[in-house]
Protein backbone atom coordinates (compact mmCIF):
# COMPACT_ATOMS: atom_id res chain seq x y z
CA UNK A 1 74.13 33.34 110.31
CA UNK A 2 74.25 30.71 113.01
CA UNK A 3 71.29 29.73 115.55
CA UNK A 4 73.61 31.21 118.40
CA UNK A 5 73.85 34.15 116.83
CA UNK A 6 70.36 34.21 115.75
CA UNK A 7 69.66 33.62 119.27
CA UNK A 8 71.67 36.66 120.82
CA UNK A 9 69.63 38.50 118.67
CA UNK A 10 66.58 37.48 119.72
CA UNK A 11 67.92 37.93 122.85
CA UNK A 12 69.62 41.21 122.98
CA UNK A 13 66.17 42.79 121.40
CA UNK A 14 64.05 45.28 122.34
CA UNK A 15 60.26 44.98 121.48
CA UNK A 16 59.32 48.03 119.80
CA UNK A 17 56.48 48.78 121.84
CA UNK A 18 59.12 48.83 124.50
CA UNK A 19 60.92 51.47 122.76
CA UNK A 20 58.80 53.96 122.49
CA UNK A 21 57.74 53.75 126.07
CA UNK A 22 61.51 54.47 127.00
CA UNK A 23 61.53 57.39 124.35
CA UNK A 24 58.45 58.66 125.71
CA UNK A 25 59.92 58.44 129.43
CA UNK A 26 63.25 60.18 128.27
CA UNK A 27 61.41 62.86 126.88
CA UNK A 28 58.93 63.13 129.77
CA UNK A 29 61.75 63.49 131.99
CA UNK A 30 63.24 66.02 130.40
CA UNK A 31 66.14 63.92 129.40
CA UNK A 32 66.01 64.99 125.79
CA UNK A 33 64.52 67.90 124.25
CA UNK A 34 64.51 69.49 120.85
CA UNK A 35 65.63 73.55 120.35
CA UNK A 36 63.15 75.74 119.76
CA UNK A 37 65.62 76.90 116.98
CA UNK A 38 68.52 75.32 114.89
CA UNK A 39 71.29 77.26 113.82
CA UNK A 40 74.05 76.16 111.90
CA UNK A 41 77.45 78.79 112.07
CA UNK A 42 79.16 78.22 109.10
CA UNK A 43 82.83 79.34 107.73
CA UNK A 44 86.02 78.15 106.12
CA UNK A 45 88.80 79.20 108.09
CA UNK A 46 90.66 76.04 110.15
CA UNK A 47 89.17 75.01 113.49
CA UNK A 48 92.53 75.09 115.73
CA UNK A 49 92.78 78.99 114.91
CA UNK A 50 91.32 81.50 117.42
CA UNK A 51 87.89 82.43 115.58
CA UNK A 52 86.79 78.85 116.44
CA UNK A 53 87.73 79.47 119.90
CA UNK A 54 85.48 82.44 119.99
CA UNK A 55 82.88 80.56 118.18
CA UNK A 56 82.29 77.88 120.50
CA UNK A 57 83.03 80.96 123.26
CA UNK A 58 79.48 82.11 121.15
CA UNK A 59 77.58 79.32 120.60
CA UNK A 60 77.83 77.91 124.51
CA UNK A 61 76.41 81.48 126.19
CA UNK A 62 73.53 81.53 123.22
CA UNK A 63 72.31 77.80 124.38
CA UNK A 64 72.84 78.70 128.79
CA UNK A 65 71.21 82.16 128.11
CA UNK A 66 68.78 80.29 126.08
CA UNK A 67 68.06 78.14 128.28
CA UNK A 68 68.37 75.24 125.64
CA UNK A 69 66.42 77.41 123.03
CA UNK A 70 68.58 78.15 120.37
CA UNK A 71 71.64 75.11 119.50
CA UNK A 72 73.62 76.45 117.09
CA UNK A 73 75.87 74.04 115.40
CA UNK A 74 79.07 74.50 113.71
CA UNK A 75 80.79 73.65 110.45
CA UNK A 76 84.02 74.57 110.12
CA UNK A 77 86.66 73.96 107.63
CA UNK A 78 84.24 75.03 104.65
CA UNK A 79 82.33 72.35 105.79
CA UNK A 80 78.32 74.42 104.48
CA UNK A 81 80.57 75.20 101.42
CA UNK A 82 83.41 78.12 100.28
CA UNK A 83 82.68 81.56 101.35
CA UNK A 84 80.40 82.97 98.55
CA UNK A 85 78.43 79.51 98.85
CA UNK A 86 77.45 80.53 102.58
CA UNK A 87 77.19 83.93 101.91
CA UNK A 88 74.63 82.80 99.08
CA UNK A 89 72.39 80.16 101.75
CA UNK A 90 72.29 83.37 104.24
CA UNK A 91 70.91 85.85 101.56
CA UNK A 92 68.46 82.94 100.44
CA UNK A 93 67.48 82.84 104.18
CA UNK A 94 68.78 79.61 105.64
CA UNK A 95 68.81 79.69 109.33
CA UNK A 96 73.11 80.17 108.80
CA UNK A 97 74.98 82.52 110.61
CA UNK A 98 78.65 83.40 108.81
CA UNK A 99 81.92 84.80 109.59
CA UNK A 100 81.82 88.23 107.26
CA UNK A 101 84.32 90.86 107.24
CA UNK A 102 84.27 94.08 105.91
CA UNK A 103 85.19 93.68 102.58
CA UNK A 104 82.77 91.55 101.75
CA UNK A 105 79.99 93.33 103.34
CA UNK A 106 81.27 96.25 100.77
CA UNK A 107 79.81 94.68 98.16
CA UNK A 108 76.11 95.63 99.58
CA UNK A 109 76.98 98.86 101.41
CA UNK A 110 80.47 100.64 100.01
CA UNK A 111 81.06 102.77 103.49
CA UNK A 112 81.69 99.28 104.87
CA UNK A 113 85.09 99.13 102.96
CA UNK A 114 86.60 102.10 105.36
CA UNK A 115 86.29 99.53 107.98
CA UNK A 116 89.35 97.30 106.72
CA UNK A 117 91.56 100.32 105.28
CA UNK A 118 95.12 100.14 105.97
CA UNK A 119 96.43 101.59 109.44
CA UNK A 120 93.34 102.54 109.95
CA UNK A 121 93.68 102.11 114.15
CA UNK A 122 96.88 102.28 116.24
CA UNK A 123 94.87 100.02 119.02
CA UNK A 124 92.37 97.11 117.85
CA UNK A 125 90.57 98.13 121.02
CA UNK A 126 89.55 101.63 119.33
CA UNK A 127 86.97 99.67 117.11
CA UNK A 128 84.23 99.93 120.24
CA UNK A 129 84.37 103.48 119.71
CA UNK A 130 82.32 103.10 116.33
CA UNK A 131 79.77 101.24 118.20
CA UNK A 132 76.46 102.92 118.69
CA UNK A 133 77.62 105.68 116.98
CA UNK A 134 74.93 106.93 113.99
CA UNK A 135 77.52 106.19 111.54
CA UNK A 136 77.77 102.82 112.03
CA UNK A 137 74.50 102.16 113.16
CA UNK A 138 73.19 104.01 109.60
CA UNK A 139 75.43 100.92 107.58
CA UNK A 140 73.94 98.58 109.67
CA UNK A 141 70.69 99.65 108.64
CA UNK A 142 71.24 99.76 104.99
CA UNK A 143 73.11 96.21 104.95
CA UNK A 144 69.46 95.19 106.50
CA UNK A 145 67.65 96.89 104.32
CA UNK A 146 69.66 96.87 100.72
CA UNK A 147 70.99 93.13 101.20
CA UNK A 148 68.79 91.73 103.79
CA UNK A 149 72.04 90.79 105.93
CA UNK A 150 71.64 91.71 109.68
CA UNK A 151 74.99 92.02 111.21
CA UNK A 152 75.12 90.33 114.89
CA UNK A 153 78.53 92.41 115.53
CA UNK A 154 81.72 93.31 113.47
CA UNK A 155 83.91 93.49 116.93
CA UNK A 156 85.88 90.68 115.77
CA UNK A 157 89.61 90.83 115.65
CA UNK A 158 90.68 88.44 113.39
CA UNK A 159 94.30 89.93 113.67
CA UNK A 160 97.15 92.64 112.57
CA UNK A 161 98.08 91.27 109.43
CA UNK A 162 101.65 90.81 108.24
CA UNK A 163 104.04 89.94 105.29
CA UNK A 164 105.91 86.67 105.14
CA UNK A 165 108.88 86.83 102.51
CA UNK A 166 112.46 85.84 101.85
CA UNK A 167 113.63 88.63 102.90
CA UNK A 168 113.21 91.69 105.83
CA UNK A 169 110.69 94.36 104.65
CA UNK A 170 111.42 97.25 106.79
CA UNK A 171 110.22 100.18 104.44
CA UNK A 172 107.96 100.75 101.34
CA UNK A 173 110.80 100.99 99.04
CA UNK A 174 112.13 97.26 100.72
CA UNK A 175 108.53 96.18 98.96
CA UNK A 176 108.76 97.53 95.42
CA UNK A 177 108.56 95.31 92.64
CA UNK A 178 107.64 92.50 95.02
CA UNK A 179 104.67 90.29 93.78
CA UNK A 180 102.46 90.01 97.06
CA UNK A 181 99.80 87.88 97.32
CA UNK A 182 96.11 89.60 98.03
CA UNK A 183 92.43 88.03 97.79
CA UNK A 184 90.26 89.21 95.37
CA UNK A 185 89.66 92.44 97.30
CA UNK A 186 90.04 96.30 95.79
CA UNK A 187 90.93 97.41 99.53
CA UNK A 188 93.70 95.18 99.61
CA UNK A 189 94.61 95.48 96.15
CA UNK A 190 94.96 100.06 96.35
CA UNK A 191 96.70 99.12 99.22
CA UNK A 192 99.73 96.78 97.82
CA UNK A 193 99.97 98.91 94.81
CA UNK A 194 100.18 102.16 97.07
CA UNK A 195 103.09 100.56 98.92
CA UNK A 196 105.01 100.12 95.22
CA UNK A 197 103.85 96.39 95.41
CA UNK A 198 102.85 94.13 92.59
CA UNK A 199 99.42 92.50 93.94
CA UNK A 200 98.22 89.47 92.74
CA UNK A 201 95.37 87.77 93.50
CA UNK A 202 95.11 83.91 94.53
CA UNK A 203 92.27 81.94 96.66
CA UNK A 204 93.33 81.37 99.83
CA UNK A 205 93.90 77.61 99.78
CA UNK A 206 96.46 78.33 96.72
CA UNK A 207 99.02 80.81 98.81
CA UNK A 208 100.98 78.22 99.86
CA UNK A 209 101.64 76.49 96.50
CA UNK A 210 101.52 79.79 94.30
CA UNK A 211 105.21 80.74 97.34
CA UNK A 212 106.68 77.86 96.51
CA UNK A 213 106.51 77.79 93.07
CA UNK A 214 107.56 81.86 92.91
CA UNK A 215 104.11 82.87 91.65
CA UNK A 216 104.25 85.30 94.22
CA UNK A 217 107.27 86.63 96.40
CA UNK A 218 104.86 87.37 99.81
CA UNK A 219 101.65 87.06 101.25
CA UNK A 220 99.99 88.48 104.27
CA UNK A 221 97.62 87.00 107.21
CA UNK A 222 97.77 87.04 110.67
CA UNK A 223 100.15 85.13 112.64
CA UNK A 224 97.36 81.94 113.06
CA UNK A 225 96.79 81.93 109.64
CA UNK A 226 99.96 81.75 108.28
CA UNK A 227 100.99 79.35 111.26
CA UNK A 228 97.56 77.25 110.44
CA UNK A 229 98.29 77.08 106.98
CA UNK A 230 102.10 76.40 107.13
CA UNK A 231 103.40 79.26 104.79
CA UNK A 232 106.36 79.21 106.79
CA UNK A 233 107.83 76.46 105.78
CA UNK A 234 108.81 78.05 102.34
CA UNK A 235 108.99 81.60 103.45
CA UNK A 236 111.27 81.90 106.50
CA UNK A 237 110.75 86.02 106.86
CA UNK A 238 107.64 87.80 108.63
CA UNK A 239 107.92 91.32 108.91
CA UNK A 240 105.42 92.94 112.06
CA UNK A 241 103.48 95.56 109.58
CA UNK A 242 100.66 95.53 110.76
CA UNK A 243 99.22 97.05 107.63
CA UNK A 244 95.54 95.64 107.92
CA UNK A 245 93.80 95.37 111.47
CA UNK A 246 91.02 92.70 110.22
CA UNK A 247 88.27 92.93 111.46
CA UNK A 248 85.20 90.22 111.43
CA UNK A 249 82.19 89.74 112.81
CA UNK A 250 78.70 87.35 112.28
CA UNK A 251 76.11 87.73 110.50
CA UNK A 252 72.65 86.25 109.39
CA UNK A 253 69.86 86.43 107.24
CA UNK A 254 67.86 89.76 108.56
CA UNK A 255 64.12 87.92 107.47
CA UNK A 256 64.48 84.98 109.97
CA UNK A 257 66.19 86.99 112.28
CA UNK A 258 63.72 89.54 112.71
CA UNK A 259 60.63 87.05 112.98
CA UNK A 260 62.87 85.28 116.00
CA UNK A 261 61.42 86.31 119.47
CA UNK A 262 62.53 89.55 120.43
CA UNK A 263 64.60 87.82 123.75
CA UNK A 264 66.52 85.65 121.07
CA UNK A 265 67.11 88.73 118.96
CA UNK A 266 68.78 90.14 122.11
CA UNK A 267 70.85 86.90 123.16
CA UNK A 268 71.97 86.78 119.88
CA UNK A 269 73.24 90.26 119.03
CA UNK A 270 74.37 90.55 123.05
CA UNK A 271 76.61 87.45 123.13
CA UNK A 272 77.94 88.57 119.39
CA UNK A 273 79.46 91.27 120.56
CA UNK A 274 80.81 89.86 123.55
CA UNK A 275 82.17 87.07 121.76
CA UNK A 276 84.19 90.10 119.46
CA UNK A 277 85.52 91.38 122.80
CA UNK A 278 86.80 87.64 124.01
CA UNK A 279 88.26 86.94 120.74
CA UNK A 280 89.59 90.46 120.29
CA UNK A 281 91.55 89.87 124.08
CA UNK A 282 92.06 86.73 122.69
CA UNK A 283 94.12 87.47 119.37
CA UNK A 284 96.17 91.06 121.28
CA UNK A 285 96.98 88.28 124.23
CA UNK A 286 98.28 85.67 121.98
CA UNK A 287 100.49 87.65 119.95
CA UNK A 288 103.63 86.70 121.32
CA UNK A 289 103.19 82.87 121.85
CA UNK A 290 102.35 82.79 118.03
CA UNK A 291 105.41 84.53 117.30
CA UNK A 292 107.00 82.01 119.86
CA UNK A 293 105.53 79.19 117.71
CA UNK A 294 106.73 79.72 114.24
CA UNK A 295 110.65 81.49 115.81
CA UNK A 296 110.60 78.03 117.29
CA UNK A 297 109.66 76.26 113.66
CA UNK A 298 112.99 78.72 112.24
CA UNK A 299 111.08 81.72 111.56
CA UNK A 300 113.02 85.28 111.64
CA UNK A 301 111.20 87.64 112.88
CA UNK A 302 111.50 91.57 111.72
CA UNK A 303 110.01 93.82 114.29
CA UNK A 304 112.02 97.21 112.61
CA UNK A 305 109.70 98.45 110.65
CA UNK A 306 108.77 101.69 109.97
CA UNK A 307 105.14 101.83 110.13
CA UNK A 308 105.04 105.95 109.79
CA UNK A 309 106.20 105.43 106.47
CA UNK A 310 104.16 102.96 105.29
CA UNK A 311 100.93 105.01 106.74
CA UNK A 312 102.00 107.95 104.97
CA UNK A 313 102.58 105.55 101.44
CA UNK A 314 99.12 104.35 101.73
CA UNK A 315 96.72 107.88 103.33
CA UNK A 316 95.35 107.66 99.63
CA UNK A 317 94.23 104.63 99.13
CA UNK A 318 91.42 106.14 101.07
CA UNK A 319 90.67 108.75 98.07
CA UNK A 320 90.31 106.16 95.71
CA UNK A 321 86.52 104.84 96.92
CA UNK A 322 84.16 107.45 94.80
CA UNK A 323 81.09 105.00 95.99
CA UNK A 324 82.24 105.93 100.01
CA UNK A 325 79.66 108.81 101.49
CA UNK A 326 81.03 112.08 101.27
CA UNK A 327 83.60 113.09 104.51
CA UNK A 328 83.46 109.07 105.16
CA UNK A 329 87.13 108.63 105.78
CA UNK A 330 87.47 112.07 108.01
CA UNK A 331 84.23 111.63 109.96
CA UNK A 332 85.39 107.51 110.90
CA UNK A 333 88.67 108.77 111.67
CA UNK A 334 86.84 111.64 114.66
CA UNK A 335 85.51 109.21 116.04
CA UNK A 336 88.43 107.12 116.98
CA UNK A 337 90.80 109.98 117.45
CA UNK A 338 87.95 111.29 120.16
């Protein structure tokens, strides 16, 4: 290092005491203020998908309503770990919120599984009918007591799930014998078995290669997920089967949540529900935009789907879960149809 370099360093260096004085002044002026509660929000989905927009909406609104007392730091793309890893951190009591779904929650309270069933709702907006009912509140209470998980909301429409393959699928006969990728979820497996397909479990990260190599003939997912994973590069026909209207939501450790001030609990719960409504509207309103994006990249859409035939074919699935409470499906059906 030359003399000139050393001189410049000396000239541009702020004395340590002056630095402390500057920081103290900023703190006293309120320019730098640490949040009272720092919570991480981790999820495995791409930060380019609608769920990220809803999460950002949730985090911003919580910070605003809490007047900066709560700082939610978002970690997309699995930066906090895989789903099982993040769930484990939540159950261990870490200050983490994550995205969950009925399939995962049914591992602890089996009744949640009914919310992920095939053709359960004609209109995603029907989900609001469940909120605040004795049935739904009982499921949340059991989850809290039996698994130490606080369900902040489950009204986030992740999207209607559709089938992508080499050929159109309009009737159950068209899918008979096809190998369809499913996650390791009993509801998914039983649904596609009822349709006559051969469900094959693959991690989401392996679906592209599985379709490309012929390990599976087809996959199913919401349109944004199909686009985000580029599945349309290897299969060019999407049939709008809408077999699942997938809802997700936010969960947090129940003990951690119960020890937060009551006003913060209220803010987190109310804003989680509000963000769910935001995401549901976003997904419904953007469906044609996603169709246009995929069509622009060479995808053909099959809208001529006999959903009534698929619904009839999969109705038996709701009788395949003996761990559910007696009459669960009929009770849910009565609420939704009212």
